[in-house]
Amino acid sequence: MMLKAILSCAPAAGLAIAAAVLPSVAASDGPELDPELVDEVNLVMKQLASEHMTMVIVTHEMRFAAEVADRVLFMADGTVIEEGTPDELFTQPKQERTRTFLRKFLNA
């Protein structure tokens, strides 16, 4: 719970603290929610990914997810609809719900 509080208050600093406290896993819930910090937070997460940090990130930033993730899960209504590599999920989604979402948000 403390980790979530840290990440909610200051995402970039929270990720740095998470990396120090839990060196094998970092978690972030909606890092793009503060539009003034999106670039800073994404930069920190890209750096952690380049250092092979295991991260669980909840995001609506599809392009960022495609760039950084090894695996992507698409969820709707609390259910995993589809999962795969970024290439599989973003270019060849199997589920209609995933295709509908991607058409709407990647073409916006």
N, C-alpha and C. Protein backbone atom coordinates (compact mmCIF):
# COMPACT_ATOMS: atom_id res chain seq x y z
N MET A 1 0.82 -1.20 0.00
CA MET A 1 0.00 0.00 0.00
C MET A 1 0.86 1.26 0.00
N MET A 2 1.96 1.23 0.70
CA MET A 2 2.82 2.41 0.73
C MET A 2 3.34 2.73 -0.66
N LEU A 3 3.68 1.69 -1.43
CA LEU A 3 4.17 1.91 -2.78
C LEU A 3 3.14 2.64 -3.62
N LYS A 4 1.88 2.22 -3.55
CA LYS A 4 0.83 2.88 -4.31
C LYS A 4 0.70 4.34 -3.89
N ALA A 5 0.81 4.62 -2.60
CA ALA A 5 0.72 6.00 -2.13
C ALA A 5 1.87 6.83 -2.69
N ILE A 6 3.04 6.25 -2.72
CA ILE A 6 4.19 6.96 -3.27
C ILE A 6 3.97 7.24 -4.75
N LEU A 7 3.53 6.24 -5.50
CA LEU A 7 3.34 6.40 -6.93
C LEU A 7 2.21 7.37 -7.24
N SER A 8 1.18 7.37 -6.41
CA SER A 8 0.06 8.27 -6.66
C SER A 8 0.45 9.72 -6.43
N CYS A 9 1.34 9.97 -5.49
CA CYS A 9 1.71 11.34 -5.16
C CYS A 9 2.71 11.93 -6.15
N ALA A 10 3.69 11.17 -6.53
CA ALA A 10 4.74 11.67 -7.41
C ALA A 10 5.23 10.51 -8.27
N PRO A 11 4.61 10.29 -9.42
CA PRO A 11 4.92 9.10 -10.20
C PRO A 11 6.40 8.90 -10.53
N ALA A 12 7.08 9.91 -11.02
CA ALA A 12 8.48 9.73 -11.39
C ALA A 12 9.34 9.41 -10.18
N ALA A 13 9.15 10.17 -9.11
CA ALA A 13 9.90 9.90 -7.88
C ALA A 13 9.49 8.56 -7.30
N GLY A 14 8.20 8.25 -7.38
CA GLY A 14 7.71 6.98 -6.86
C GLY A 14 8.33 5.80 -7.56
N LEU A 15 8.47 5.88 -8.90
CA LEU A 15 9.11 4.79 -9.63
C LEU A 15 10.57 4.65 -9.23
N ALA A 16 11.25 5.75 -9.04
CA ALA A 16 12.65 5.69 -8.61
C ALA A 16 12.76 5.06 -7.22
N ILE A 17 11.85 5.44 -6.33
CA ILE A 17 11.84 4.85 -4.98
C ILE A 17 11.50 3.37 -5.07
N ALA A 18 10.52 3.02 -5.91
CA ALA A 18 10.14 1.61 -6.06
C ALA A 18 11.32 0.78 -6.54
N ALA A 19 12.08 1.32 -7.46
CA ALA A 19 13.24 0.60 -7.98
C ALA A 19 14.27 0.36 -6.88
N ALA A 20 14.40 1.31 -5.96
CA ALA A 20 15.36 1.16 -4.87
C ALA A 20 14.84 0.21 -3.79
N VAL A 21 13.56 0.32 -3.47
CA VAL A 21 12.98 -0.49 -2.39
C VAL A 21 12.71 -1.92 -2.85
N LEU A 22 12.16 -2.08 -4.04
CA LEU A 22 11.84 -3.39 -4.61
C LEU A 22 12.60 -3.52 -5.92
N PRO A 23 13.88 -3.85 -5.85
CA PRO A 23 14.70 -3.79 -7.06
C PRO A 23 14.29 -4.74 -8.18
N SER A 24 13.41 -5.71 -7.90
CA SER A 24 13.05 -6.64 -8.97
C SER A 24 11.73 -6.29 -9.67
N VAL A 25 10.88 -5.45 -9.05
CA VAL A 25 9.58 -5.13 -9.65
C VAL A 25 9.20 -3.69 -9.35
N ALA A 26 8.65 -3.00 -10.35
CA ALA A 26 8.08 -1.67 -10.15
C ALA A 26 6.65 -1.70 -10.65
N ALA A 27 5.77 -0.99 -9.98
CA ALA A 27 4.37 -0.94 -10.39
C ALA A 27 3.93 0.51 -10.51
N SER A 28 3.06 0.76 -11.48
CA SER A 28 2.55 2.11 -11.67
C SER A 28 1.12 2.02 -12.19
N ASP A 29 0.24 2.79 -11.59
CA ASP A 29 -1.16 2.79 -11.98
C ASP A 29 -1.52 4.13 -12.59
N GLY A 30 -1.70 4.15 -13.90
CA GLY A 30 -2.10 5.37 -14.59
C GLY A 30 -1.10 6.50 -14.49
N PRO A 31 0.18 6.26 -14.86
CA PRO A 31 1.18 7.31 -14.72
C PRO A 31 0.90 8.55 -15.56
N GLU A 32 0.07 8.41 -16.58
CA GLU A 32 -0.21 9.55 -17.46
C GLU A 32 -1.34 10.42 -16.94
N LEU A 33 -1.86 10.14 -15.76
CA LEU A 33 -3.00 10.91 -15.26
C LEU A 33 -2.66 12.37 -14.98
N ASP A 34 -1.41 12.66 -14.72
CA ASP A 34 -0.99 14.06 -14.54
C ASP A 34 -0.33 14.50 -15.84
N PRO A 35 -1.04 15.24 -16.69
CA PRO A 35 -0.52 15.58 -18.01
C PRO A 35 0.78 16.38 -17.99
N GLU A 36 1.05 17.06 -16.89
CA GLU A 36 2.29 17.83 -16.82
C GLU A 36 3.50 16.94 -16.57
N LEU A 37 3.27 15.70 -16.12
CA LEU A 37 4.38 14.80 -15.80
C LEU A 37 4.53 13.64 -16.77
N VAL A 38 3.70 13.55 -17.78
CA VAL A 38 3.72 12.39 -18.68
C VAL A 38 5.11 12.13 -19.25
N ASP A 39 5.74 13.13 -19.82
CA ASP A 39 7.04 12.92 -20.46
C ASP A 39 8.09 12.49 -19.44
N GLU A 40 8.09 13.12 -18.28
CA GLU A 40 9.07 12.79 -17.24
C GLU A 40 8.88 11.35 -16.75
N VAL A 41 7.64 10.98 -16.49
CA VAL A 41 7.34 9.64 -15.99
C VAL A 41 7.68 8.60 -17.06
N ASN A 42 7.29 8.85 -18.31
CA ASN A 42 7.60 7.91 -19.39
C ASN A 42 9.10 7.74 -19.57
N LEU A 43 9.86 8.81 -19.43
CA LEU A 43 11.31 8.73 -19.52
C LEU A 43 11.89 7.84 -18.43
N VAL A 44 11.41 8.00 -17.20
CA VAL A 44 11.88 7.16 -16.09
C VAL A 44 11.52 5.70 -16.36
N MET A 45 10.31 5.44 -16.84
CA MET A 45 9.91 4.06 -17.10
C MET A 45 10.71 3.46 -18.25
N LYS A 46 11.01 4.25 -19.27
CA LYS A 46 11.85 3.74 -20.37
C LYS A 46 13.25 3.41 -19.87
N GLN A 47 13.78 4.23 -18.97
CA GLN A 47 15.10 3.96 -18.39
C GLN A 47 15.07 2.66 -17.60
N LEU A 48 14.04 2.48 -16.77
CA LEU A 48 13.92 1.24 -16.00
C LEU A 48 13.78 0.03 -16.92
N ALA A 49 13.02 0.16 -17.99
CA ALA A 49 12.87 -0.94 -18.95
C ALA A 49 14.21 -1.28 -19.60
N SER A 50 14.99 -0.25 -19.93
CA SER A 50 16.30 -0.50 -20.55
C SER A 50 17.25 -1.20 -19.58
N GLU A 51 16.98 -1.08 -18.28
CA GLU A 51 17.77 -1.76 -17.26
C GLU A 51 17.16 -3.11 -16.89
N HIS A 52 16.19 -3.56 -17.70
CA HIS A 52 15.53 -4.85 -17.53
C HIS A 52 14.75 -4.96 -16.22
N MET A 53 14.22 -3.83 -15.76
CA MET A 53 13.36 -3.82 -14.58
C MET A 53 12.02 -4.44 -14.96
N THR A 54 11.53 -5.34 -14.14
CA THR A 54 10.19 -5.87 -14.33
C THR A 54 9.20 -4.83 -13.86
N MET A 55 8.26 -4.47 -14.74
CA MET A 55 7.29 -3.44 -14.39
C MET A 55 5.89 -3.92 -14.74
N VAL A 56 4.95 -3.54 -13.90
CA VAL A 56 3.54 -3.73 -14.18
C VAL A 56 2.96 -2.33 -14.27
N ILE A 57 2.50 -1.96 -15.45
CA ILE A 57 2.05 -0.58 -15.69
C ILE A 57 0.61 -0.62 -16.20
N VAL A 58 -0.26 0.12 -15.55
CA VAL A 58 -1.63 0.30 -16.02
C VAL A 58 -1.63 1.64 -16.77
N THR A 59 -1.97 1.61 -18.05
CA THR A 59 -1.89 2.83 -18.85
C THR A 59 -2.94 2.86 -19.94
N HIS A 60 -3.27 4.06 -20.37
CA HIS A 60 -4.11 4.25 -21.54
C HIS A 60 -3.27 4.75 -22.71
N GLU A 61 -1.98 4.89 -22.50
CA GLU A 61 -1.05 5.37 -23.53
C GLU A 61 -0.59 4.17 -24.36
N MET A 62 -1.34 3.86 -25.41
CA MET A 62 -1.09 2.66 -26.20
C MET A 62 0.27 2.70 -26.91
N ARG A 63 0.64 3.84 -27.43
CA ARG A 63 1.93 3.93 -28.14
C ARG A 63 3.09 3.69 -27.18
N PHE A 64 2.99 4.22 -25.98
CA PHE A 64 4.02 4.00 -24.97
C PHE A 64 4.08 2.52 -24.60
N ALA A 65 2.93 1.90 -24.39
CA ALA A 65 2.88 0.48 -24.04
C ALA A 65 3.52 -0.36 -25.15
N ALA A 66 3.20 -0.04 -26.40
CA ALA A 66 3.76 -0.79 -27.53
C ALA A 66 5.28 -0.65 -27.59
N GLU A 67 5.78 0.51 -27.22
CA GLU A 67 7.22 0.79 -27.29
C GLU A 67 8.00 0.11 -26.17
N VAL A 68 7.43 0.06 -24.97
CA VAL A 68 8.18 -0.37 -23.79
C VAL A 68 7.91 -1.83 -23.39
N ALA A 69 6.70 -2.32 -23.64
CA ALA A 69 6.28 -3.61 -23.08
C ALA A 69 6.86 -4.80 -23.83
N ASP A 70 7.05 -5.88 -23.08
CA ASP A 70 7.35 -7.20 -23.66
C ASP A 70 6.05 -7.97 -23.85
N ARG A 71 5.11 -7.78 -22.93
CA ARG A 71 3.79 -8.41 -22.96
C ARG A 71 2.75 -7.33 -22.67
N VAL A 72 1.59 -7.44 -23.33
CA VAL A 72 0.51 -6.48 -23.14
C VAL A 72 -0.77 -7.26 -22.85
N LEU A 73 -1.50 -6.80 -21.85
CA LEU A 73 -2.82 -7.35 -21.56
C LEU A 73 -3.83 -6.25 -21.83
N PHE A 74 -4.87 -6.57 -22.58
CA PHE A 74 -5.96 -5.63 -22.79
C PHE A 74 -7.10 -6.09 -21.90
N MET A 75 -7.57 -5.17 -21.04
CA MET A 75 -8.65 -5.49 -20.10
C MET A 75 -9.84 -4.58 -20.34
N ALA A 76 -11.01 -5.12 -20.09
CA ALA A 76 -12.25 -4.34 -20.14
C ALA A 76 -13.20 -4.92 -19.11
N ASP A 77 -13.83 -4.05 -18.36
CA ASP A 77 -14.80 -4.47 -17.34
C ASP A 77 -14.19 -5.47 -16.35
N GLY A 78 -12.91 -5.28 -16.01
CA GLY A 78 -12.26 -6.12 -15.01
C GLY A 78 -11.85 -7.49 -15.50
N THR A 79 -11.91 -7.72 -16.81
CA THR A 79 -11.59 -9.01 -17.38
C THR A 79 -10.48 -8.87 -18.42
N VAL A 80 -9.54 -9.81 -18.43
CA VAL A 80 -8.52 -9.83 -19.48
C VAL A 80 -9.19 -10.32 -20.75
N ILE A 81 -9.20 -9.47 -21.76
CA ILE A 81 -9.83 -9.79 -23.04
C ILE A 81 -8.82 -10.48 -23.96
N GLU A 82 -7.58 -9.98 -23.90
CA GLU A 82 -6.56 -10.50 -24.81
C GLU A 82 -5.19 -10.18 -24.25
N GLU A 83 -4.21 -11.03 -24.56
CA GLU A 83 -2.84 -10.76 -24.15
C GLU A 83 -1.90 -11.28 -25.21
N GLY A 84 -0.75 -10.66 -25.29
CA GLY A 84 0.26 -11.09 -26.25
C GLY A 84 1.42 -10.11 -26.29
N THR A 85 2.28 -10.28 -27.26
CA THR A 85 3.38 -9.33 -27.44
C THR A 85 2.77 -8.04 -27.98
N PRO A 86 3.49 -6.93 -27.88
CA PRO A 86 2.95 -5.70 -28.46
C PRO A 86 2.62 -5.85 -29.94
N ASP A 87 3.48 -6.53 -30.69
CA ASP A 87 3.22 -6.71 -32.12
C ASP A 87 1.94 -7.50 -32.35
N GLU A 88 1.76 -8.59 -31.60
CA GLU A 88 0.55 -9.40 -31.75
C GLU A 88 -0.70 -8.60 -31.40
N LEU A 89 -0.67 -7.96 -30.26
CA LEU A 89 -1.87 -7.29 -29.78
C LEU A 89 -2.21 -6.03 -30.58
N PHE A 90 -1.19 -5.25 -30.95
CA PHE A 90 -1.46 -3.98 -31.63
C PHE A 90 -1.63 -4.10 -33.14
N THR A 91 -1.06 -5.14 -33.75
CA THR A 91 -1.18 -5.25 -35.21
C THR A 91 -2.08 -6.40 -35.66
N GLN A 92 -2.29 -7.41 -34.79
CA GLN A 92 -3.11 -8.55 -35.17
C GLN A 92 -4.00 -9.00 -34.01
N PRO A 93 -4.79 -8.09 -33.45
CA PRO A 93 -5.63 -8.50 -32.32
C PRO A 93 -6.64 -9.57 -32.75
N LYS A 94 -6.85 -10.53 -31.87
CA LYS A 94 -7.76 -11.64 -32.17
C LYS A 94 -9.21 -11.34 -31.77
N GLN A 95 -9.38 -10.53 -30.74
CA GLN A 95 -10.72 -10.27 -30.21
C GLN A 95 -11.32 -8.99 -30.79
N GLU A 96 -12.60 -9.04 -31.11
CA GLU A 96 -13.28 -7.86 -31.66
C GLU A 96 -13.24 -6.68 -30.69
N ARG A 97 -13.39 -6.96 -29.41
CA ARG A 97 -13.37 -5.88 -28.40
C ARG A 97 -12.04 -5.14 -28.43
N THR A 98 -10.94 -5.88 -28.59
CA THR A 98 -9.61 -5.27 -28.68
C THR A 98 -9.50 -4.45 -29.96
N ARG A 99 -9.95 -5.00 -31.08
CA ARG A 99 -9.89 -4.27 -32.36
C ARG A 99 -10.67 -2.97 -32.30
N THR A 100 -11.87 -3.02 -31.69
CA THR A 100 -12.70 -1.82 -31.57
C THR A 100 -11.98 -0.74 -30.76
N PHE A 101 -11.42 -1.14 -29.62
CA PHE A 101 -10.70 -0.19 -28.77
C PHE A 101 -9.51 0.42 -29.52
N LEU A 102 -8.72 -0.41 -30.16
CA LEU A 102 -7.53 0.09 -30.84
C LEU A 102 -7.88 1.01 -32.00
N ARG A 103 -8.92 0.68 -32.76
CA ARG A 103 -9.35 1.57 -33.85
C ARG A 103 -9.71 2.95 -33.30
N LYS A 104 -10.42 2.95 -32.19
CA LYS A 104 -10.88 4.21 -31.62
C LYS A 104 -9.74 5.04 -31.07
N PHE A 105 -8.80 4.41 -30.37
CA PHE A 105 -7.77 5.18 -29.66
C PHE A 105 -6.46 5.33 -30.40
N LEU A 106 -6.13 4.45 -31.31
CA LEU A 106 -4.89 4.62 -32.06
C LEU A 106 -5.08 5.52 -33.27
N ASN A 107 -6.29 5.65 -33.73
CA ASN A 107 -6.57 6.50 -34.88
C ASN A 107 -7.04 7.90 -34.48
N ALA A 108 -7.08 8.16 -33.18
CA ALA A 108 -7.57 9.46 -32.69
C ALA A 108 -6.56 10.55 -32.94
